PDB file of N, CA and C in Angstrom:
ATOM      1  N   MET A   1      -7.403  14.709  12.594  1.00  0.00           N
ATOM      2  CA  MET A   1      -8.739  15.249  13.041  1.00  0.00           C
ATOM      3  C   MET A   1      -9.919  15.494  12.816  1.00  0.00           C
ATOM      4  N   ALA A   2      -9.489  15.977  11.289  1.00  0.00           N
ATOM      5  CA  ALA A   2     -11.106  16.213  10.838  1.00  0.00           C
ATOM      6  C   ALA A   2     -12.079  15.652  10.802  1.00  0.00           C
ATOM      7  N   PHE A   3     -11.168  13.624  10.221  1.00  0.00           N
ATOM      8  CA  PHE A   3     -11.568  12.778   9.946  1.00  0.00           C
ATOM      9  C   PHE A   3     -12.755  12.647  11.501  1.00  0.00           C
ATOM     10  N   GLY A   4     -12.514  12.769  12.547  1.00  0.00           N
ATOM     11  CA  GLY A   4     -12.837  12.414  13.311  1.00  0.00           C
ATOM     12  C   GLY A   4     -14.002  13.522  14.144  1.00  0.00           C
ATOM     13  N   ILE A   5     -13.545  14.400  14.050  1.00  0.00           N
ATOM     14  CA  ILE A   5     -14.846  15.904  13.837  1.00  0.00           C
ATOM     15  C   ILE A   5     -16.085  15.422  12.913  1.00  0.00           C
ATOM     16  N   VAL A   6     -15.724  15.155  11.722  1.00  0.00           N
ATOM     17  CA  VAL A   6     -17.049  14.985  10.963  1.00  0.00           C
ATOM     18  C   VAL A   6     -17.764  13.639  11.342  1.00  0.00           C
ATOM     19  N   LEU A   7     -16.768  12.706  11.783  1.00  0.00           N
ATOM     20  CA  LEU A   7     -17.334  11.609  11.922  1.00  0.00           C
ATOM     21  C   LEU A   7     -18.571  11.682  13.064  1.00  0.00           C
ATOM     22  N   ASN A   8     -17.912  12.683  14.731  1.00  0.00           N
ATOM     23  CA  ASN A   8     -18.448  12.684  15.502  1.00  0.00           C
ATOM     24  C   ASN A   8     -19.797  13.091  15.149  1.00  0.00           C
ATOM     25  N   ARG A   9     -19.725  13.895  14.518  1.00  0.00           N
ATOM     26  CA  ARG A   9     -21.096  15.108  13.901  1.00  0.00           C
ATOM     27  C   ARG A   9     -21.619  14.000  13.382  1.00  0.00           C
ATOM     28  N   THR A  10     -21.761  12.623  13.301  1.00  0.00           N
ATOM     29  CA  THR A  10     -23.079  12.320  12.405  1.00  0.00           C
ATOM     30  C   THR A  10     -22.946  10.905  12.677  1.00  0.00           C
ATOM     31  N   GLY A  11     -22.455  11.061  14.774  1.00  0.00           N
ATOM     32  CA  GLY A  11     -23.229  10.181  16.012  1.00  0.00           C
ATOM     33  C   GLY A  11     -22.018   9.552  16.197  1.00  0.00           C
ATOM     34  N   TRP A  12     -21.568   8.865  15.639  1.00  0.00           N
ATOM     35  CA  TRP A  12     -19.543   8.270  15.746  1.00  0.00           C
ATOM     36  C   TRP A  12     -19.363   8.645  16.997  1.00  0.00           C
ATOM     37  N   GLN A  13     -18.972   7.928  18.022  1.00  0.00           N
ATOM     38  CA  GLN A  13     -17.986   8.589  19.563  1.00  0.00           C
ATOM     39  C   GLN A  13     -16.494   8.206  18.919  1.00  0.00           C
ATOM     40  N   ILE A  14     -15.739   9.033  19.196  1.00  0.00           N
ATOM     41  CA  ILE A  14     -14.262   9.579  18.856  1.00  0.00           C
ATOM     42  C   ILE A  14     -13.674   9.669  19.682  1.00  0.00           C
ATOM     43  N   VAL A  15     -12.439   8.563  19.835  1.00  0.00           N
ATOM     44  CA  VAL A  15     -11.611   8.912  21.115  1.00  0.00           C
ATOM     45  C   VAL A  15     -10.152   9.128  20.522  1.00  0.00           C
ATOM     46  N   TYR A  16      -9.399   9.591  20.503  1.00  0.00           N
ATOM     47  CA  TYR A  16      -8.535  10.100  20.616  1.00  0.00           C
ATOM     48  C   TYR A  16      -7.288   9.650  21.439  1.00  0.00           C
ATOM     49  N   LEU A  17      -5.711   9.074  20.902  1.00  0.00           N
ATOM     50  CA  LEU A  17      -5.471   8.684  21.989  1.00  0.00           C
ATOM     51  C   LEU A  17      -3.831   9.698  21.985  1.00  0.00           C
ATOM     52  N   GLY A  18      -3.936   9.956  20.333  1.00  0.00           N
ATOM     53  CA  GLY A  18      -2.723  11.052  20.488  1.00  0.00           C
ATOM     54  C   GLY A  18      -1.358  10.018  19.786  1.00  0.00           C
ATOM     55  N   ALA A  19      -0.956  11.413  18.857  1.00  0.00           N
ATOM     56  CA  ALA A  19       0.312  10.883  18.146  1.00  0.00           C
ATOM     57  C   ALA A  19       1.562   9.933  19.481  1.00  0.00           C
ATOM     58  N   ASP A  20       1.935   8.873  18.528  1.00  0.00           N
ATOM     59  CA  ASP A  20       3.039   7.979  19.116  1.00  0.00           C
ATOM     60  C   ASP A  20       2.599   7.560  21.088  1.00  0.00           C
ATOM     61  N   THR A  21       0.904   7.162  20.232  1.00  0.00           N
ATOM     62  CA  THR A  21       0.872   6.055  21.261  1.00  0.00           C
ATOM     63  C   THR A  21       1.353   4.342  20.939  1.00  0.00           C
ATOM     64  N   PRO A  22       1.535   3.737  22.446  1.00  0.00           N
ATOM     65  CA  PRO A  22       2.498   3.126  22.055  1.00  0.00           C
ATOM     66  C   PRO A  22       1.306   1.610  21.535  1.00  0.00           C
ATOM     67  N   VAL A  23       1.825   0.410  20.741  1.00  0.00           N
ATOM     68  CA  VAL A  23      -0.196  -0.233  19.927  1.00  0.00           C
ATOM     69  C   VAL A  23      -0.392  -0.915  21.371  1.00  0.00           C
ATOM     70  N   ALA A  24       0.617  -1.287  22.620  1.00  0.00           N
ATOM     71  CA  ALA A  24      -0.119  -2.095  22.892  1.00  0.00           C
ATOM     72  C   ALA A  24      -1.100  -0.749  23.833  1.00  0.00           C
ATOM     73  N   GLU A  25      -0.798  -0.094  24.333  1.00  0.00           N
ATOM     74  CA  GLU A  25      -1.779   1.300  24.816  1.00  0.00           C
ATOM     75  C   GLU A  25      -3.551   1.318  24.030  1.00  0.00           C
ATOM     76  N   LEU A  26      -3.017   1.158  22.526  1.00  0.00           N
ATOM     77  CA  LEU A  26      -3.843   1.285  22.023  1.00  0.00           C
ATOM     78  C   LEU A  26      -4.890  -0.476  21.990  1.00  0.00           C
ATOM     79  N   THR A  27      -4.012  -1.097  22.517  1.00  0.00           N
ATOM     80  CA  THR A  27      -5.121  -2.597  22.237  1.00  0.00           C
ATOM     81  C   THR A  27      -5.739  -2.909  23.845  1.00  0.00           C
ATOM     82  N   ARG A  28      -4.710  -1.994  24.781  1.00  0.00           N
ATOM     83  CA  ARG A  28      -5.403  -2.279  25.510  1.00  0.00           C
ATOM     84  C   ARG A  28      -6.706  -1.494  25.787  1.00  0.00           C
ATOM     85  N   ALA A  29      -6.739   0.246  25.008  1.00  0.00           N
ATOM     86  CA  ALA A  29      -7.923   0.761  24.503  1.00  0.00           C
ATOM     87  C   ALA A  29      -9.210  -0.190  24.199  1.00  0.00           C
ATOM     88  N   ALA A  30      -8.735  -0.910  23.016  1.00  0.00           N
ATOM     89  CA  ALA A  30      -9.239  -1.143  22.134  1.00  0.00           C
ATOM     90  C   ALA A  30     -10.257  -2.636  22.487  1.00  0.00           C
ATOM     91  N   ASP A  31      -9.492  -3.418  24.416  1.00  0.00           N
ATOM     92  CA  ASP A  31      -9.992  -4.144  24.824  1.00  0.00           C
ATOM     93  C   ASP A  31     -11.211  -3.993  25.597  1.00  0.00           C
ATOM     94  N   ALA A  32     -10.633  -3.050  26.265  1.00  0.00           N
ATOM     95  CA  ALA A  32     -11.605  -2.038  26.702  1.00  0.00           C
ATOM     96  C   ALA A  32     -12.775  -1.552  26.309  1.00  0.00           C
ATOM     97  N   ARG A  33     -12.953  -0.942  25.561  1.00  0.00           N
ATOM     98  CA  ARG A  33     -13.966  -0.089  24.667  1.00  0.00           C
ATOM     99  C   ARG A  33     -15.113  -1.119  23.583  1.00  0.00           C
ATOM    100  N   GLN A  34     -13.790  -1.965  23.021  1.00  0.00           N
ATOM    101  CA  GLN A  34     -14.725  -3.104  22.188  1.00  0.00           C
ATOM    102  C   GLN A  34     -15.493  -1.767  20.982  1.00  0.00           C
ATOM    103  N   PRO A  35     -13.889  -1.250  20.799  1.00  0.00           N
ATOM    104  CA  PRO A  35     -15.204  -0.074  19.173  1.00  0.00           C
ATOM    105  C   PRO A  35     -15.676  -0.696  18.370  1.00  0.00           C
ATOM    106  N   ASP A  36     -16.184   0.128  17.413  1.00  0.00           N
ATOM    107  CA  ASP A  36     -16.576  -0.913  15.776  1.00  0.00           C
ATOM    108  C   ASP A  36     -15.670  -0.579  14.989  1.00  0.00           C
ATOM    109  N   LEU A  37     -14.809   0.181  15.524  1.00  0.00           N
ATOM    110  CA  LEU A  37     -13.300   0.646  14.589  1.00  0.00           C
ATOM    111  C   LEU A  37     -12.143   0.890  14.832  1.00  0.00           C
ATOM    112  N   VAL A  38     -11.192   0.846  14.737  1.00  0.00           N
ATOM    113  CA  VAL A  38     -10.184   1.504  14.672  1.00  0.00           C
ATOM    114  C   VAL A  38      -9.512   2.018  13.260  1.00  0.00           C
ATOM    115  N   VAL A  39      -8.837   3.219  14.123  1.00  0.00           N
ATOM    116  CA  VAL A  39      -7.809   4.142  12.861  1.00  0.00           C
ATOM    117  C   VAL A  39      -6.617   4.087  13.589  1.00  0.00           C
ATOM    118  N   VAL A  40      -5.298   3.975  12.433  1.00  0.00           N
ATOM    119  CA  VAL A  40      -4.271   4.367  12.634  1.00  0.00           C
ATOM    120  C   VAL A  40      -3.945   4.470  11.790  1.00  0.00           C
ATOM    121  N   ALA A  41      -3.179   6.181  11.542  1.00  0.00           N
ATOM    122  CA  ALA A  41      -2.976   6.829  10.670  1.00  0.00           C
ATOM    123  C   ALA A  41      -1.050   7.256  10.924  1.00  0.00           C
ATOM    124  N   ALA A  42      -0.155   7.355   9.940  1.00  0.00           N
ATOM    125  CA  ALA A  42       1.046   7.867  10.043  1.00  0.00           C
ATOM    126  C   ALA A  42       1.265   8.452   8.500  1.00  0.00           C
ATOM    127  N   THR A  43       2.772   8.834   8.814  1.00  0.00           N
ATOM    128  CA  THR A  43       2.575  10.021   7.485  1.00  0.00           C
ATOM    129  C   THR A  43       3.942   9.125   6.854  1.00  0.00           C
ATOM    130  N   ARG A  44       4.599   8.563   7.594  1.00  0.00           N
ATOM    131  CA  ARG A  44       5.683   7.301   6.958  1.00  0.00           C
ATOM    132  C   ARG A  44       5.143   6.163   6.925  1.00  0.00           C
ATOM    133  N   ALA A  45       5.524   5.149   6.334  1.00  0.00           N
ATOM    134  CA  ALA A  45       5.207   3.734   6.215  1.00  0.00           C
ATOM    135  C   ALA A  45       6.304   3.330   7.418  1.00  0.00           C
ATOM    136  N   GLU A  46       7.393   4.182   7.377  1.00  0.00           N
ATOM    137  CA  GLU A  46       8.575   3.224   7.970  1.00  0.00           C
ATOM    138  C   GLU A  46       8.247   3.575   9.704  1.00  0.00           C
ATOM    139  N   ALA A  47       6.891   4.329  10.435  1.00  0.00           N
ATOM    140  CA  ALA A  47       6.223   4.164  11.292  1.00  0.00           C
ATOM    141  C   ALA A  47       5.705   3.494  11.750  1.00  0.00           C
ATOM    142  N   PHE A  48       4.549   2.507  10.506  1.00  0.00           N
ATOM    143  CA  PHE A  48       3.569   1.434  10.409  1.00  0.00           C
ATOM    144  C   PHE A  48       5.059   0.305  11.390  1.00  0.00           C
ATOM    145  N   GLU A  49       6.188  -0.095   9.875  1.00  0.00           N
ATOM    146  CA  GLU A  49       7.118  -0.820   9.808  1.00  0.00           C
ATOM    147  C   GLU A  49       7.151  -1.989  11.621  1.00  0.00           C
ATOM    148  N   PRO A  50       7.950  -1.776  12.043  1.00  0.00           N
ATOM    149  CA  PRO A  50       8.364  -2.224  13.714  1.00  0.00           C
ATOM    150  C   PRO A  50       7.178  -2.169  14.510  1.00  0.00           C
ATOM    151  N   HIS A  51       5.971  -1.566  14.077  1.00  0.00           N
ATOM    152  CA  HIS A  51       4.416  -2.600  14.567  1.00  0.00           C
ATOM    153  C   HIS A  51       3.424  -3.275  13.790  1.00  0.00           C
ATOM    154  N   THR A  52       4.442  -4.005  12.552  1.00  0.00           N
ATOM    155  CA  THR A  52       3.054  -4.820  12.389  1.00  0.00           C
ATOM    156  C   THR A  52       2.546  -6.217  12.928  1.00  0.00           C
ATOM    157  N   ALA A  53       3.956  -7.194  13.398  1.00  0.00           N
ATOM    158  CA  ALA A  53       2.953  -8.057  14.158  1.00  0.00           C
ATOM    159  C   ALA A  53       1.995  -7.354  15.565  1.00  0.00           C
ATOM    160  N   ALA A  54       2.290  -6.281  16.207  1.00  0.00           N
ATOM    161  CA  ALA A  54       1.131  -5.829  16.891  1.00  0.00           C
ATOM    162  C   ALA A  54      -0.568  -4.733  16.214  1.00  0.00           C
ATOM    163  N   LEU A  55       0.082  -4.675  15.330  1.00  0.00           N
ATOM    164  CA  LEU A  55      -1.076  -4.010  14.414  1.00  0.00           C
ATOM    165  C   LEU A  55      -1.942  -5.499  13.670  1.00  0.00           C
ATOM    166  N   ALA A  56      -0.882  -5.935  13.911  1.00  0.00           N
ATOM    167  CA  ALA A  56      -2.166  -7.773  12.956  1.00  0.00           C
ATOM    168  C   ALA A  56      -2.662  -7.875  14.042  1.00  0.00           C
ATOM    169  N   ALA A  57      -2.276  -8.357  14.737  1.00  0.00           N
ATOM    170  CA  ALA A  57      -2.594  -8.696  16.450  1.00  0.00           C
ATOM    171  C   ALA A  57      -4.013  -8.400  16.687  1.00  0.00           C
ATOM    172  N   LEU A  58      -4.009  -6.689  16.354  1.00  0.00           N
ATOM    173  CA  LEU A  58      -5.047  -5.898  16.766  1.00  0.00           C
ATOM    174  C   LEU A  58      -5.793  -6.055  15.689  1.00  0.00           C
ATOM    175  N   ALA A  59      -5.557  -6.701  14.527  1.00  0.00           N
ATOM    176  CA  ALA A  59      -6.167  -6.279  13.417  1.00  0.00           C
ATOM    177  C   ALA A  59      -7.306  -7.646  13.331  1.00  0.00           C
ATOM    178  N   ARG A  60      -6.828  -8.308  14.081  1.00  0.00           N
ATOM    179  CA  ARG A  60      -7.619 -10.111  14.512  1.00  0.00           C
ATOM    180  C   ARG A  60      -8.964  -9.778  15.525  1.00  0.00           C
ATOM    181  N   THR A  61      -8.283  -8.477  16.129  1.00  0.00           N
ATOM    182  CA  THR A  61      -9.982  -8.366  17.125  1.00  0.00           C
ATOM    183  C   THR A  61     -10.832  -7.658  17.276  1.00  0.00           C
ATOM    184  N   VAL A  62     -10.157  -6.077  15.956  1.00  0.00           N
ATOM    185  CA  VAL A  62     -11.499  -5.000  15.536  1.00  0.00           C
ATOM    186  C   VAL A  62     -10.871  -4.866  14.491  1.00  0.00           C
ATOM    187  N   PRO A  63     -12.149  -4.272  13.626  1.00  0.00           N
ATOM    188  CA  PRO A  63     -11.707  -3.956  12.639  1.00  0.00           C
ATOM    189  C   PRO A  63     -10.988  -2.324  12.461  1.00  0.00           C
ATOM    190  N   LEU A  64      -9.893  -2.312  11.813  1.00  0.00           N
ATOM    191  CA  LEU A  64      -8.432  -1.901  11.413  1.00  0.00           C
ATOM    192  C   LEU A  64      -8.808  -0.401  10.247  1.00  0.00           C
ATOM    193  N   ILE A  65      -8.848   0.142  10.401  1.00  0.00           N
ATOM    194  CA  ILE A  65      -8.152   0.672   9.127  1.00  0.00           C
ATOM    195  C   ILE A  65      -7.034   1.629   9.483  1.00  0.00           C
ATOM    196  N   LEU A  66      -5.637   1.322   8.216  1.00  0.00           N
ATOM    197  CA  LEU A  66      -4.552   2.735   8.429  1.00  0.00           C
ATOM    198  C   LEU A  66      -4.983   3.202   7.818  1.00  0.00           C
ATOM    199  N   ALA A  67      -4.466   4.684   7.601  1.00  0.00           N
ATOM    200  CA  ALA A  67      -5.109   5.600   6.829  1.00  0.00           C
ATOM    201  C   ALA A  67      -3.478   6.492   7.111  1.00  0.00           C
ATOM    202  N   GLY A  68      -3.607   7.810   6.328  1.00  0.00           N
ATOM    203  CA  GLY A  68      -2.307   8.874   5.936  1.00  0.00           C
ATOM    204  C   GLY A  68      -1.328   8.061   4.373  1.00  0.00           C
ATOM    205  N   ALA A  69      -0.324   8.973   4.840  1.00  0.00           N
ATOM    206  CA  ALA A  69       0.201   8.994   3.394  1.00  0.00           C
ATOM    207  C   ALA A  69       1.632   7.675   3.577  1.00  0.00           C
ATOM    208  N   GLY A  70       1.000   7.335   4.865  1.00  0.00           N
ATOM    209  CA  GLY A  70       2.323   6.232   5.174  1.00  0.00           C
ATOM    210  C   GLY A  70       1.833   4.405   4.966  1.00  0.00           C
ATOM    211  N   ALA A  71       0.329   4.750   4.840  1.00  0.00           N
ATOM    212  CA  ALA A  71      -0.149   3.766   4.452  1.00  0.00           C
ATOM    213  C   ALA A  71      -0.386   2.753   2.883  1.00  0.00           C
ATOM    214  N   THR A  72       0.073   1.571   3.154  1.00  0.00           N
ATOM    215  CA  THR A  72       0.252   1.305   1.609  1.00  0.00           C
ATOM    216  C   THR A  72      -0.190  -0.707   1.723  1.00  0.00           C
ATOM    217  N   PRO A  73      -1.409  -0.899   0.578  1.00  0.00           N
ATOM    218  CA  PRO A  73      -1.457  -1.750   0.297  1.00  0.00           C
ATOM    219  C   PRO A  73      -1.548  -2.629   0.143  1.00  0.00           C
ATOM    220  N   ALA A  74       0.391  -2.893   0.545  1.00  0.00           N
ATOM    221  CA  ALA A  74       1.107  -3.955   0.505  1.00  0.00           C
ATOM    222  C   ALA A  74       1.724  -4.024   2.387  1.00  0.00           C
ATOM    223  N   LEU A  75       1.497  -2.512   2.825  1.00  0.00           N
ATOM    224  CA  LEU A  75       1.960  -3.308   4.538  1.00  0.00           C
ATOM    225  C   LEU A  75       0.368  -3.508   5.042  1.00  0.00           C
ATOM    226  N   GLY A  76      -1.326  -2.537   4.418  1.00  0.00           N
ATOM    227  CA  GLY A  76      -2.499  -3.041   4.291  1.00  0.00           C
ATOM    228  C   GLY A  76      -2.611  -5.003   4.593  1.00  0.00           C
ATOM    229  N   ALA A  77      -2.588  -5.583   3.438  1.00  0.00           N
ATOM    230  CA  ALA A  77      -2.266  -6.737   3.497  1.00  0.00           C
ATOM    231  C   ALA A  77      -1.273  -7.003   4.407  1.00  0.00           C
ATOM    232  N   ALA A  78      -0.490  -6.877   5.080  1.00  0.00           N
ATOM    233  CA  ALA A  78       0.263  -7.550   5.704  1.00  0.00           C
ATOM    234  C   ALA A  78       0.079  -7.738   6.931  1.00  0.00           C
ATOM    235  N   ILE A  79      -0.937  -6.358   7.243  1.00  0.00           N
ATOM    236  CA  ILE A  79      -1.282  -6.834   8.319  1.00  0.00           C
ATOM    237  C   ILE A  79      -2.634  -6.775   8.494  1.00  0.00           C
ATOM    238  N   GLY A  80      -3.778  -7.039   7.487  1.00  0.00           N
ATOM    239  CA  GLY A  80      -5.104  -7.733   7.960  1.00  0.00           C
ATOM    240  C   GLY A  80      -6.149  -5.928   8.373  1.00  0.00           C
ATOM    241  N   ALA A  81      -5.261  -5.039   7.985  1.00  0.00           N
ATOM    242  CA  ALA A  81      -6.037  -3.422   8.000  1.00  0.00           C
ATOM    243  C   ALA A  81      -6.850  -3.377   6.524  1.00  0.00           C
ATOM    244  N   ARG A  82      -7.361  -2.340   6.577  1.00  0.00           N
ATOM    245  CA  ARG A  82      -7.947  -2.001   5.679  1.00  0.00           C
ATOM    246  C   ARG A  82      -7.393  -0.631   5.160  1.00  0.00           C
ATOM    247  N   LEU A  83      -7.497   0.010   3.747  1.00  0.00           N
ATOM    248  CA  LEU A  83      -7.276   1.307   3.208  1.00  0.00           C
ATOM    249  C   LEU A  83      -8.205   1.760   2.827  1.00  0.00           C
ATOM    250  N   PRO A  84      -8.566   2.859   3.132  1.00  0.00           N
ATOM    251  CA  PRO A  84      -9.541   3.548   2.593  1.00  0.00           C
ATOM    252  C   PRO A  84      -9.616   4.209   1.009  1.00  0.00           C
ATOM    253  N   ASP A  85     -10.444   3.811   0.246  1.00  0.00           N
ATOM    254  CA  ASP A  85      -9.974   4.125  -1.016  1.00  0.00           C
ATOM    255  C   ASP A  85     -11.060   5.096  -1.189  1.00  0.00           C
ATOM    256  N   GLY A  86     -11.594   5.886  -0.736  1.00  0.00           N
ATOM    257  CA  GLY A  86     -12.035   7.267  -0.530  1.00  0.00           C
ATOM    258  C   GLY A  86     -12.054   8.249   0.719  1.00  0.00           C
ATOM    259  N   ASP A  87     -13.248   8.837   0.059  1.00  0.00           N
ATOM    260  CA  ASP A  87     -13.528   9.904   1.386  1.00  0.00           C
ATOM    261  C   ASP A  87     -13.008   9.031   2.424  1.00  0.00           C
ATOM    262  N   PRO A  88     -12.563   9.598   3.448  1.00  0.00           N
ATOM    263  CA  PRO A  88     -12.520   8.579   4.677  1.00  0.00           C
ATOM    264  C   PRO A  88     -13.276   8.920   5.892  1.00  0.00           C
ATOM    265  N   VAL A  89     -14.681   9.253   5.261  1.00  0.00           N
ATOM    266  CA  VAL A  89     -15.875   9.564   6.491  1.00  0.00           C
ATOM    267  C   VAL A  89     -16.774   8.779   6.214  1.00  0.00           C
ATOM    268  N   THR A  90     -16.686   8.600   4.349  1.00  0.00           N
ATOM    269  CA  THR A  90     -17.731   7.923   3.404  1.00  0.00           C
ATOM    270  C   THR A  90     -17.269   6.726   3.560  1.00  0.00           C
ATOM    271  N   VAL A  91     -16.181   6.388   3.649  1.00  0.00           N
ATOM    272  CA  VAL A  91     -15.831   4.720   3.691  1.00  0.00           C
ATOM    273  C   VAL A  91     -16.035   4.646   4.943  1.00  0.00           C
ATOM    274  N   ALA A  92     -15.783   5.170   5.956  1.00  0.00           N
ATOM    275  CA  ALA A  92     -16.221   4.095   7.227  1.00  0.00           C
ATOM    276  C   ALA A  92     -17.406   3.857   7.656  1.00  0.00           C
ATOM    277  N   GLU A  93     -18.300   5.320   7.518  1.00  0.00           N
ATOM    278  CA  GLU A  93     -20.023   4.870   6.992  1.00  0.00           C
ATOM    279  C   GLU A  93     -20.292   3.719   6.795  1.00  0.00           C
ATOM    280  N   GLN A  94     -19.535   3.128   5.353  1.00  0.00           N
ATOM    281  CA  GLN A  94     -19.870   2.162   4.887  1.00  0.00           C
ATOM    282  C   GLN A  94     -19.092   0.509   5.238  1.00  0.00           C
ATOM    283  N   ILE A  95     -19.077   1.144   5.329  1.00  0.00           N
ATOM    284  CA  ILE A  95     -18.204  -0.534   5.881  1.00  0.00           C
ATOM    285  C   ILE A  95     -18.630  -1.249   6.429  1.00  0.00           C
ATOM    286  N   GLN A  96     -19.200  -2.629   6.438  1.00  0.00           N
ATOM    287  CA  GLN A  96     -19.745  -3.534   7.057  1.00  0.00           C
ATOM    288  C   GLN A  96     -18.839  -4.502   7.769  1.00  0.00           C
ATOM    289  N   TRP A  97     -18.717  -4.759   8.855  1.00  0.00           N
ATOM    290  CA  TRP A  97     -16.836  -5.602   9.125  1.00  0.00           C
ATOM    291  C   TRP A  97     -17.927  -6.780   9.949  1.00  0.00           C
ATOM    292  N   PRO A  98     -17.167  -7.904   9.211  1.00  0.00           N
ATOM    293  CA  PRO A  98     -18.095  -9.355  10.492  1.00  0.00           C
ATOM    294  C   PRO A  98     -17.425  -8.794  11.493  1.00  0.00           C
ATOM    295  N   ARG A  99     -18.131  -9.292  12.658  1.00  0.00           N
ATOM    296  CA  ARG A  99     -17.734  -9.659  13.800  1.00  0.00           C
ATOM    297  C   ARG A  99     -18.058 -10.859  14.603  1.00  0.00           C
TER     298      ARG A  99
END
């Protein structure tokens, strides 16, 4: 949440969908809003694993960052998502995404 507050203060529009938002709902929201970036966070890798295929499909349509202790490099590679490798606000501001 602090990540979103800081980004909002630097001019980003932030939309929180909340914990346990189904990936299908996240995909619908991304389709409707056409965001520059989607961040999905989890404290355990097991929270991501059942959704690998759906998150990979989402990552093909919008830049996706996996965050939190559950995000691993192997999972990011499998999904086609990026993991922040530093301060997440700075990383988000510096990312140049191919569109």
